[in-house]
N, C-alpha and C. Protein backbone atom coordinates (compact mmCIF):
# COMPACT_ATOMS: atom_id res chain seq x y z
N UNK A 1 -14.93 -17.64 -0.22
CA UNK A 1 -14.83 -16.41 -0.99
C UNK A 1 -13.96 -15.41 -0.23
N UNK A 2 -13.08 -14.75 -0.92
CA UNK A 2 -12.20 -13.78 -0.29
C UNK A 2 -12.86 -12.41 -0.24
N UNK A 3 -12.46 -11.62 0.75
CA UNK A 3 -12.98 -10.28 0.93
C UNK A 3 -12.11 -9.29 0.15
N UNK A 4 -12.74 -8.52 -0.70
CA UNK A 4 -12.01 -7.50 -1.44
C UNK A 4 -11.61 -6.37 -0.50
N UNK A 5 -10.45 -5.80 -0.78
CA UNK A 5 -9.96 -4.66 -0.02
C UNK A 5 -9.76 -3.50 -0.98
N UNK A 6 -10.84 -2.77 -1.20
CA UNK A 6 -10.84 -1.71 -2.19
C UNK A 6 -11.38 -0.39 -1.65
N UNK A 7 -11.41 -0.24 -0.33
CA UNK A 7 -11.92 0.98 0.27
C UNK A 7 -11.01 2.16 0.00
N UNK A 8 -11.60 3.34 -0.08
CA UNK A 8 -10.87 4.57 -0.38
C UNK A 8 -9.72 4.82 0.59
N UNK A 9 -9.85 4.36 1.85
CA UNK A 9 -8.80 4.57 2.84
C UNK A 9 -7.50 3.86 2.47
N UNK A 10 -7.56 2.93 1.50
CA UNK A 10 -6.37 2.20 1.07
C UNK A 10 -5.64 2.87 -0.08
N UNK A 11 -6.16 3.97 -0.57
CA UNK A 11 -5.51 4.74 -1.64
C UNK A 11 -4.81 5.93 -1.00
N UNK A 12 -3.52 5.81 -0.78
CA UNK A 12 -2.76 6.87 -0.12
C UNK A 12 -2.62 8.08 -1.04
N UNK A 13 -2.53 9.28 -0.48
CA UNK A 13 -2.37 10.49 -1.29
C UNK A 13 -1.17 10.43 -2.23
N UNK A 14 -0.12 9.69 -1.84
CA UNK A 14 1.12 9.59 -2.62
C UNK A 14 1.04 8.54 -3.71
N UNK A 15 0.00 7.70 -3.72
CA UNK A 15 -0.12 6.66 -4.73
C UNK A 15 0.20 5.27 -4.22
N UNK A 16 0.55 5.12 -2.96
CA UNK A 16 0.75 3.79 -2.41
C UNK A 16 -0.61 3.10 -2.23
N UNK A 17 -0.61 1.78 -2.37
CA UNK A 17 -1.78 0.97 -2.04
C UNK A 17 -1.55 0.38 -0.66
N UNK A 18 -2.28 0.85 0.32
CA UNK A 18 -2.07 0.45 1.70
C UNK A 18 -2.36 -1.03 1.94
N UNK A 19 -3.13 -1.64 1.08
CA UNK A 19 -3.49 -3.05 1.25
C UNK A 19 -2.32 -4.01 1.09
N UNK A 20 -1.18 -3.55 0.56
CA UNK A 20 -0.02 -4.43 0.43
C UNK A 20 1.09 -4.07 1.42
N UNK A 21 0.78 -3.25 2.39
CA UNK A 21 1.74 -2.84 3.42
C UNK A 21 1.86 -3.95 4.47
N UNK A 22 3.09 -4.24 4.88
CA UNK A 22 3.31 -5.29 5.87
C UNK A 22 2.64 -4.98 7.20
N UNK A 23 2.69 -3.75 7.64
CA UNK A 23 2.06 -3.38 8.92
C UNK A 23 0.54 -3.44 8.80
N UNK A 24 0.00 -2.93 7.70
CA UNK A 24 -1.45 -3.02 7.47
C UNK A 24 -1.89 -4.48 7.49
N UNK A 25 -1.15 -5.34 6.75
CA UNK A 25 -1.53 -6.76 6.67
C UNK A 25 -1.49 -7.39 8.06
N UNK A 26 -0.42 -7.15 8.81
CA UNK A 26 -0.32 -7.76 10.14
C UNK A 26 -1.44 -7.28 11.05
N UNK A 27 -1.75 -5.98 11.00
CA UNK A 27 -2.82 -5.43 11.83
C UNK A 27 -4.18 -5.98 11.40
N UNK A 28 -4.45 -5.96 10.11
CA UNK A 28 -5.74 -6.43 9.59
C UNK A 28 -5.93 -7.92 9.83
N UNK A 29 -4.83 -8.69 9.72
CA UNK A 29 -4.92 -10.14 9.85
C UNK A 29 -4.70 -10.64 11.28
N UNK A 30 -4.62 -9.70 12.25
CA UNK A 30 -4.38 -10.06 13.65
C UNK A 30 -3.13 -10.93 13.83
N UNK A 31 -2.08 -10.57 13.11
CA UNK A 31 -0.80 -11.29 13.21
C UNK A 31 0.02 -10.63 14.32
N UNK A 32 -0.27 -11.01 15.55
CA UNK A 32 0.34 -10.37 16.71
C UNK A 32 1.84 -10.60 16.78
N UNK A 33 2.30 -11.74 16.29
CA UNK A 33 3.74 -12.02 16.27
C UNK A 33 4.46 -11.04 15.35
N UNK A 34 3.90 -10.81 14.16
CA UNK A 34 4.50 -9.85 13.24
C UNK A 34 4.46 -8.44 13.81
N UNK A 35 3.33 -8.06 14.40
CA UNK A 35 3.22 -6.73 14.99
C UNK A 35 4.26 -6.52 16.09
N UNK A 36 4.46 -7.54 16.90
CA UNK A 36 5.47 -7.45 17.97
C UNK A 36 6.86 -7.30 17.36
N UNK A 37 7.12 -8.01 16.27
CA UNK A 37 8.41 -7.90 15.59
C UNK A 37 8.64 -6.51 15.03
N UNK A 38 7.62 -5.94 14.40
CA UNK A 38 7.73 -4.57 13.86
C UNK A 38 7.94 -3.57 14.99
N UNK A 39 7.23 -3.77 16.09
CA UNK A 39 7.37 -2.87 17.24
C UNK A 39 8.80 -2.91 17.76
N UNK A 40 9.36 -4.09 17.83
CA UNK A 40 10.74 -4.22 18.31
C UNK A 40 11.70 -3.52 17.35
N UNK A 41 11.52 -3.73 16.03
CA UNK A 41 12.37 -3.09 15.02
C UNK A 41 12.32 -1.57 15.12
N UNK A 42 11.14 -1.05 15.43
CA UNK A 42 10.94 0.40 15.48
C UNK A 42 11.13 0.97 16.88
N UNK A 43 11.47 0.09 17.83
CA UNK A 43 11.63 0.52 19.22
C UNK A 43 10.39 1.28 19.69
N UNK A 44 9.24 0.65 19.46
CA UNK A 44 7.95 1.27 19.75
C UNK A 44 7.08 0.29 20.53
N UNK A 45 6.21 0.80 21.38
CA UNK A 45 5.24 -0.09 22.02
C UNK A 45 4.36 -0.75 20.95
N UNK A 46 4.04 -2.00 21.14
CA UNK A 46 3.28 -2.74 20.13
C UNK A 46 1.91 -2.11 19.86
N UNK A 47 1.32 -1.45 20.86
CA UNK A 47 0.01 -0.84 20.66
C UNK A 47 0.06 0.38 19.73
N UNK A 48 1.25 0.85 19.40
CA UNK A 48 1.39 1.96 18.44
C UNK A 48 1.64 1.47 17.02
N UNK A 49 1.77 0.15 16.86
CA UNK A 49 2.01 -0.44 15.54
C UNK A 49 0.68 -0.94 15.01
N UNK A 50 -0.03 -0.02 14.36
CA UNK A 50 -1.35 -0.33 13.84
C UNK A 50 -1.65 0.59 12.68
N UNK A 51 -2.34 0.06 11.69
CA UNK A 51 -2.73 0.89 10.56
C UNK A 51 -3.83 0.21 9.77
N UNK A 52 -4.81 0.99 9.39
CA UNK A 52 -5.89 0.49 8.54
C UNK A 52 -5.95 1.28 7.23
N UNK A 53 -4.84 1.92 6.88
CA UNK A 53 -4.77 2.69 5.64
C UNK A 53 -4.53 4.15 5.93
N UNK A 54 -3.88 4.82 5.01
CA UNK A 54 -3.48 6.22 5.20
C UNK A 54 -4.63 7.17 5.49
N UNK A 55 -5.80 6.84 5.05
CA UNK A 55 -6.94 7.74 5.23
C UNK A 55 -7.86 7.29 6.37
N UNK A 56 -7.45 6.26 7.10
CA UNK A 56 -8.29 5.74 8.17
C UNK A 56 -8.02 6.49 9.48
N UNK A 57 -8.78 6.13 10.50
CA UNK A 57 -8.57 6.70 11.83
C UNK A 57 -7.45 6.00 12.58
N UNK A 58 -7.01 4.84 12.09
CA UNK A 58 -5.94 4.07 12.72
C UNK A 58 -4.74 4.02 11.79
N UNK A 59 -3.80 4.95 12.01
CA UNK A 59 -2.60 5.01 11.17
C UNK A 59 -1.36 4.86 12.04
N UNK A 60 -0.24 4.66 11.40
CA UNK A 60 1.02 4.55 12.12
C UNK A 60 1.38 5.89 12.75
N UNK A 61 2.19 5.83 13.78
CA UNK A 61 2.55 7.04 14.52
C UNK A 61 3.29 8.06 13.68
N UNK A 62 3.90 7.66 12.58
CA UNK A 62 4.62 8.63 11.75
C UNK A 62 3.71 9.31 10.72
N UNK A 63 2.51 8.80 10.51
CA UNK A 63 1.63 9.34 9.47
C UNK A 63 1.31 10.83 9.63
N UNK A 64 1.03 11.32 10.84
CA UNK A 64 0.75 12.76 10.97
C UNK A 64 1.93 13.63 10.54
N UNK A 65 3.13 13.07 10.55
CA UNK A 65 4.32 13.83 10.16
C UNK A 65 4.67 13.66 8.68
N UNK A 66 3.89 12.90 7.94
CA UNK A 66 4.19 12.62 6.53
C UNK A 66 4.15 13.91 5.72
N UNK A 67 5.25 14.22 5.08
CA UNK A 67 5.37 15.45 4.29
C UNK A 67 4.36 15.49 3.14
N UNK A 68 4.15 14.36 2.50
CA UNK A 68 3.23 14.33 1.36
C UNK A 68 1.79 14.47 1.83
N UNK A 69 1.46 13.79 2.88
CA UNK A 69 0.10 13.91 3.45
C UNK A 69 -0.18 15.36 3.86
N UNK A 70 0.79 15.97 4.54
CA UNK A 70 0.65 17.35 4.98
C UNK A 70 0.51 18.30 3.78
N UNK A 71 1.30 18.07 2.75
CA UNK A 71 1.24 18.91 1.55
C UNK A 71 -0.14 18.80 0.88
N UNK A 72 -0.67 17.57 0.78
CA UNK A 72 -2.00 17.39 0.21
C UNK A 72 -3.05 18.15 0.99
N UNK A 73 -2.94 18.13 2.32
CA UNK A 73 -3.89 18.85 3.17
C UNK A 73 -3.77 20.35 2.97
N UNK A 74 -2.53 20.85 2.91
CA UNK A 74 -2.31 22.29 2.71
C UNK A 74 -2.84 22.78 1.37
N UNK A 75 -2.73 21.94 0.35
CA UNK A 75 -3.18 22.33 -0.99
C UNK A 75 -4.62 21.91 -1.27
N UNK A 76 -5.27 21.33 -0.28
CA UNK A 76 -6.67 20.88 -0.39
C UNK A 76 -6.89 19.95 -1.57
N UNK A 77 -5.98 18.98 -1.73
CA UNK A 77 -6.14 17.94 -2.74
C UNK A 77 -6.16 16.59 -2.05
N UNK A 78 -6.77 15.62 -2.69
CA UNK A 78 -6.83 14.26 -2.13
C UNK A 78 -5.64 13.41 -2.56
N UNK A 79 -5.14 13.70 -3.77
CA UNK A 79 -4.02 12.94 -4.33
C UNK A 79 -3.03 13.89 -4.97
N UNK A 80 -1.79 13.49 -4.99
CA UNK A 80 -0.73 14.32 -5.60
C UNK A 80 -1.02 14.66 -7.06
N UNK A 81 -1.66 13.76 -7.80
CA UNK A 81 -1.91 14.04 -9.21
C UNK A 81 -2.85 15.23 -9.42
N UNK A 82 -3.56 15.64 -8.37
CA UNK A 82 -4.46 16.79 -8.47
C UNK A 82 -3.73 18.12 -8.32
N UNK A 83 -2.46 18.06 -7.98
CA UNK A 83 -1.66 19.26 -7.74
C UNK A 83 -1.01 19.73 -9.04
N UNK A 84 -0.93 21.03 -9.23
CA UNK A 84 -0.30 21.58 -10.44
C UNK A 84 1.19 21.31 -10.48
N UNK A 85 1.81 20.95 -9.35
CA UNK A 85 3.24 20.66 -9.30
C UNK A 85 3.56 19.18 -9.50
N UNK A 86 2.56 18.37 -9.77
CA UNK A 86 2.77 16.92 -9.94
C UNK A 86 3.56 16.63 -11.20
N UNK A 87 4.57 15.77 -11.10
CA UNK A 87 5.17 15.21 -9.90
C UNK A 87 6.22 16.16 -9.34
N UNK A 88 6.14 16.42 -8.07
CA UNK A 88 7.03 17.39 -7.42
C UNK A 88 8.30 16.69 -6.92
N UNK A 89 9.24 17.50 -6.49
CA UNK A 89 10.51 16.98 -5.97
C UNK A 89 10.28 16.09 -4.75
N UNK A 90 9.38 16.49 -3.86
CA UNK A 90 9.12 15.70 -2.65
C UNK A 90 8.62 14.30 -3.01
N UNK A 91 7.75 14.19 -4.00
CA UNK A 91 7.23 12.89 -4.41
C UNK A 91 8.32 12.06 -5.10
N UNK A 92 9.11 12.69 -5.92
CA UNK A 92 10.21 11.98 -6.60
C UNK A 92 11.20 11.46 -5.56
N UNK A 93 11.53 12.27 -4.58
CA UNK A 93 12.43 11.83 -3.52
C UNK A 93 11.80 10.73 -2.67
N UNK A 94 10.50 10.81 -2.44
CA UNK A 94 9.78 9.78 -1.68
C UNK A 94 9.88 8.43 -2.39
N UNK A 95 9.78 8.44 -3.70
CA UNK A 95 9.88 7.19 -4.47
C UNK A 95 11.23 6.51 -4.26
N UNK A 96 12.25 7.28 -4.00
CA UNK A 96 13.60 6.73 -3.83
C UNK A 96 13.89 6.27 -2.40
N UNK A 97 12.99 6.50 -1.46
CA UNK A 97 13.25 6.19 -0.05
C UNK A 97 13.15 4.71 0.28
N UNK A 98 12.33 3.97 -0.43
CA UNK A 98 12.14 2.54 -0.13
C UNK A 98 11.63 1.84 -1.39
N UNK A 99 11.97 0.57 -1.56
CA UNK A 99 11.53 -0.14 -2.77
C UNK A 99 10.01 -0.07 -2.99
N UNK A 100 9.23 -0.18 -1.92
CA UNK A 100 7.78 -0.18 -2.11
C UNK A 100 7.22 1.21 -2.46
N UNK A 101 8.03 2.24 -2.38
CA UNK A 101 7.61 3.59 -2.80
C UNK A 101 7.82 3.81 -4.30
N UNK A 102 8.53 2.92 -4.95
CA UNK A 102 9.01 3.15 -6.31
C UNK A 102 7.92 3.28 -7.37
N UNK A 103 6.70 2.90 -7.06
CA UNK A 103 5.63 2.94 -8.06
C UNK A 103 4.60 4.04 -7.80
N UNK A 104 4.91 4.96 -6.91
CA UNK A 104 3.93 6.00 -6.55
C UNK A 104 3.48 6.82 -7.76
N UNK A 105 4.41 7.37 -8.50
CA UNK A 105 4.03 8.22 -9.64
C UNK A 105 3.29 7.41 -10.69
N UNK A 106 3.78 6.21 -10.98
CA UNK A 106 3.09 5.33 -11.93
C UNK A 106 1.67 5.02 -11.44
N UNK A 107 1.52 4.75 -10.15
CA UNK A 107 0.18 4.47 -9.60
C UNK A 107 -0.73 5.68 -9.71
N UNK A 108 -0.21 6.85 -9.40
CA UNK A 108 -1.02 8.08 -9.49
C UNK A 108 -1.45 8.34 -10.94
N UNK A 109 -0.55 8.12 -11.88
CA UNK A 109 -0.90 8.29 -13.30
C UNK A 109 -1.97 7.27 -13.71
N UNK A 110 -1.86 6.05 -13.19
CA UNK A 110 -2.85 5.02 -13.49
C UNK A 110 -4.22 5.41 -12.92
N UNK A 111 -4.23 6.00 -11.72
CA UNK A 111 -5.50 6.46 -11.14
C UNK A 111 -6.18 7.47 -12.06
N UNK A 112 -5.39 8.35 -12.68
CA UNK A 112 -5.99 9.35 -13.57
C UNK A 112 -6.54 8.69 -14.83
N UNK A 113 -5.94 7.58 -15.25
CA UNK A 113 -6.39 6.87 -16.45
C UNK A 113 -7.68 6.09 -16.23
N UNK A 114 -7.75 5.34 -15.12
CA UNK A 114 -8.87 4.41 -14.93
C UNK A 114 -9.82 4.83 -13.82
N UNK A 115 -9.43 5.80 -13.02
CA UNK A 115 -10.24 6.20 -11.87
C UNK A 115 -9.77 5.48 -10.62
N UNK A 116 -10.05 6.07 -9.49
CA UNK A 116 -9.55 5.54 -8.22
C UNK A 116 -10.20 4.19 -7.89
N UNK A 117 -11.49 4.05 -8.10
CA UNK A 117 -12.16 2.78 -7.78
C UNK A 117 -11.60 1.63 -8.61
N UNK A 118 -11.42 1.85 -9.90
CA UNK A 118 -10.86 0.80 -10.76
C UNK A 118 -9.41 0.50 -10.37
N UNK A 119 -8.65 1.53 -10.03
CA UNK A 119 -7.27 1.32 -9.60
C UNK A 119 -7.24 0.48 -8.32
N UNK A 120 -8.12 0.77 -7.38
CA UNK A 120 -8.19 -0.02 -6.15
C UNK A 120 -8.53 -1.48 -6.45
N UNK A 121 -9.43 -1.71 -7.39
CA UNK A 121 -9.76 -3.08 -7.81
C UNK A 121 -8.53 -3.77 -8.39
N UNK A 122 -7.79 -3.05 -9.24
CA UNK A 122 -6.56 -3.61 -9.82
C UNK A 122 -5.55 -3.97 -8.74
N UNK A 123 -5.39 -3.07 -7.78
CA UNK A 123 -4.42 -3.30 -6.71
C UNK A 123 -4.83 -4.49 -5.83
N UNK A 124 -6.11 -4.57 -5.53
CA UNK A 124 -6.59 -5.70 -4.73
C UNK A 124 -6.27 -7.01 -5.43
N UNK A 125 -6.45 -7.05 -6.73
CA UNK A 125 -6.15 -8.25 -7.51
C UNK A 125 -4.65 -8.50 -7.58
N UNK A 126 -3.89 -7.46 -7.82
CA UNK A 126 -2.44 -7.60 -7.98
C UNK A 126 -1.76 -8.17 -6.75
N UNK A 127 -2.25 -7.79 -5.58
CA UNK A 127 -1.60 -8.17 -4.34
C UNK A 127 -2.26 -9.37 -3.68
N UNK A 128 -2.57 -10.37 -4.50
CA UNK A 128 -3.10 -11.66 -4.04
C UNK A 128 -2.29 -12.78 -4.68
N UNK A 129 -2.20 -13.86 -3.98
CA UNK A 129 -1.60 -15.06 -4.55
C UNK A 129 -2.56 -15.58 -5.63
N UNK A 130 -2.03 -15.87 -6.79
CA UNK A 130 -2.89 -16.34 -7.87
C UNK A 130 -3.43 -17.74 -7.61
N UNK A 131 -2.76 -18.49 -6.78
CA UNK A 131 -3.19 -19.86 -6.52
C UNK A 131 -4.30 -19.92 -5.47
N UNK A 132 -4.11 -19.26 -4.33
CA UNK A 132 -5.09 -19.42 -3.24
C UNK A 132 -5.83 -18.12 -2.89
N UNK A 133 -5.46 -17.00 -3.51
CA UNK A 133 -6.11 -15.70 -3.35
C UNK A 133 -5.79 -15.01 -2.02
N UNK A 134 -4.82 -15.50 -1.27
CA UNK A 134 -4.41 -14.85 -0.02
C UNK A 134 -3.78 -13.50 -0.34
N UNK A 135 -4.07 -12.50 0.47
CA UNK A 135 -3.44 -11.19 0.30
C UNK A 135 -1.96 -11.30 0.67
N UNK A 136 -1.13 -10.60 -0.09
CA UNK A 136 0.31 -10.59 0.14
C UNK A 136 0.79 -9.15 0.20
N UNK A 137 2.02 -8.98 0.68
CA UNK A 137 2.60 -7.65 0.79
C UNK A 137 3.61 -7.41 -0.33
N UNK A 138 4.10 -6.20 -0.37
CA UNK A 138 5.11 -5.84 -1.37
C UNK A 138 6.33 -6.73 -1.25
N UNK A 139 6.69 -7.12 -0.05
CA UNK A 139 7.91 -7.87 0.17
C UNK A 139 7.71 -9.38 0.28
N UNK A 140 6.49 -9.88 0.10
CA UNK A 140 6.23 -11.31 0.17
C UNK A 140 6.89 -12.02 -1.00
N UNK A 141 7.65 -13.04 -0.70
CA UNK A 141 8.28 -13.83 -1.76
C UNK A 141 7.52 -15.13 -2.01
N UNK A 142 7.03 -15.74 -0.94
CA UNK A 142 6.23 -16.95 -1.04
C UNK A 142 4.93 -16.74 -0.29
N UNK A 143 3.85 -17.20 -0.84
CA UNK A 143 2.55 -17.08 -0.19
C UNK A 143 2.60 -17.78 1.17
N UNK A 144 2.17 -17.09 2.23
CA UNK A 144 2.20 -17.71 3.55
C UNK A 144 1.18 -18.83 3.71
N UNK A 145 0.23 -18.90 2.79
CA UNK A 145 -0.82 -19.90 2.87
C UNK A 145 -0.50 -21.16 2.06
N UNK A 146 0.01 -20.99 0.82
CA UNK A 146 0.21 -22.15 -0.06
C UNK A 146 1.64 -22.28 -0.59
N UNK A 147 2.53 -21.38 -0.21
CA UNK A 147 3.95 -21.38 -0.61
C UNK A 147 4.18 -21.11 -2.10
N UNK A 148 3.18 -20.60 -2.78
CA UNK A 148 3.34 -20.21 -4.19
C UNK A 148 4.39 -19.10 -4.29
N UNK A 149 5.21 -19.13 -5.33
CA UNK A 149 6.23 -18.09 -5.54
C UNK A 149 5.55 -16.79 -5.98
N UNK A 150 5.58 -15.79 -5.15
CA UNK A 150 4.89 -14.52 -5.42
C UNK A 150 5.76 -13.57 -6.23
N UNK A 151 7.03 -13.48 -5.91
CA UNK A 151 7.93 -12.54 -6.58
C UNK A 151 7.93 -12.76 -8.08
N UNK A 152 7.90 -14.01 -8.51
CA UNK A 152 7.89 -14.33 -9.94
C UNK A 152 6.62 -13.81 -10.60
N UNK A 153 5.49 -13.94 -9.92
CA UNK A 153 4.22 -13.48 -10.47
C UNK A 153 4.19 -11.97 -10.68
N UNK A 154 4.79 -11.23 -9.75
CA UNK A 154 4.77 -9.77 -9.84
C UNK A 154 5.51 -9.24 -11.05
N UNK A 155 6.42 -10.04 -11.59
CA UNK A 155 7.18 -9.58 -12.74
C UNK A 155 6.35 -9.68 -14.03
N UNK A 156 5.20 -10.36 -13.96
CA UNK A 156 4.33 -10.47 -15.13
C UNK A 156 3.22 -9.42 -15.05
N UNK A 157 2.80 -8.89 -16.21
CA UNK A 157 1.68 -7.94 -16.17
C UNK A 157 0.43 -8.59 -15.57
N UNK A 158 -0.39 -7.79 -14.93
CA UNK A 158 -1.60 -8.28 -14.28
C UNK A 158 -2.47 -9.09 -15.24
N UNK A 159 -2.55 -8.66 -16.49
CA UNK A 159 -3.41 -9.34 -17.46
C UNK A 159 -2.90 -10.72 -17.82
N UNK A 160 -1.62 -11.04 -17.52
CA UNK A 160 -1.05 -12.34 -17.83
C UNK A 160 -1.16 -13.32 -16.68
N UNK A 161 -1.70 -12.91 -15.58
CA UNK A 161 -1.75 -13.78 -14.40
C UNK A 161 -2.98 -14.67 -14.46
N UNK A 162 -2.80 -15.89 -14.01
CA UNK A 162 -3.94 -16.79 -13.94
C UNK A 162 -4.76 -16.47 -12.71
N UNK A 163 -6.06 -16.70 -12.78
CA UNK A 163 -6.93 -16.42 -11.63
C UNK A 163 -7.51 -17.71 -11.11
């Protein structure tokens, strides 16, 4: 049986699901080779490459400097959708910074529709291989466990995926 990853710490203020982050996955799965690779890419000591979700006590070294996180704290909101300026320029620009940021506003809107707990359940399901249930990241093309094509699955709506 697989362990669900639906804790509140995995719902980032900006709408990202931390459970599909490559650094989160490597840290959670004790993939020391991947962590060392990320550390080298970032020119950082490997012990600074760790994260258990944006709301956890173990975040990446850049998290305290995150403009969106800081804005949420200043406005005393947990998520951007709770702000009267949603969606703001900073969030729109954030979506354009990296491919995995592109669904932030859509994710935040979905949270308002179904609630945060249900959204976390959806995300946990979405970011698994349909064949073997292994957790995958935003950039995973083939399941590391069974070699199932993941990119093709993501193009189908969640309701069309086999379980």
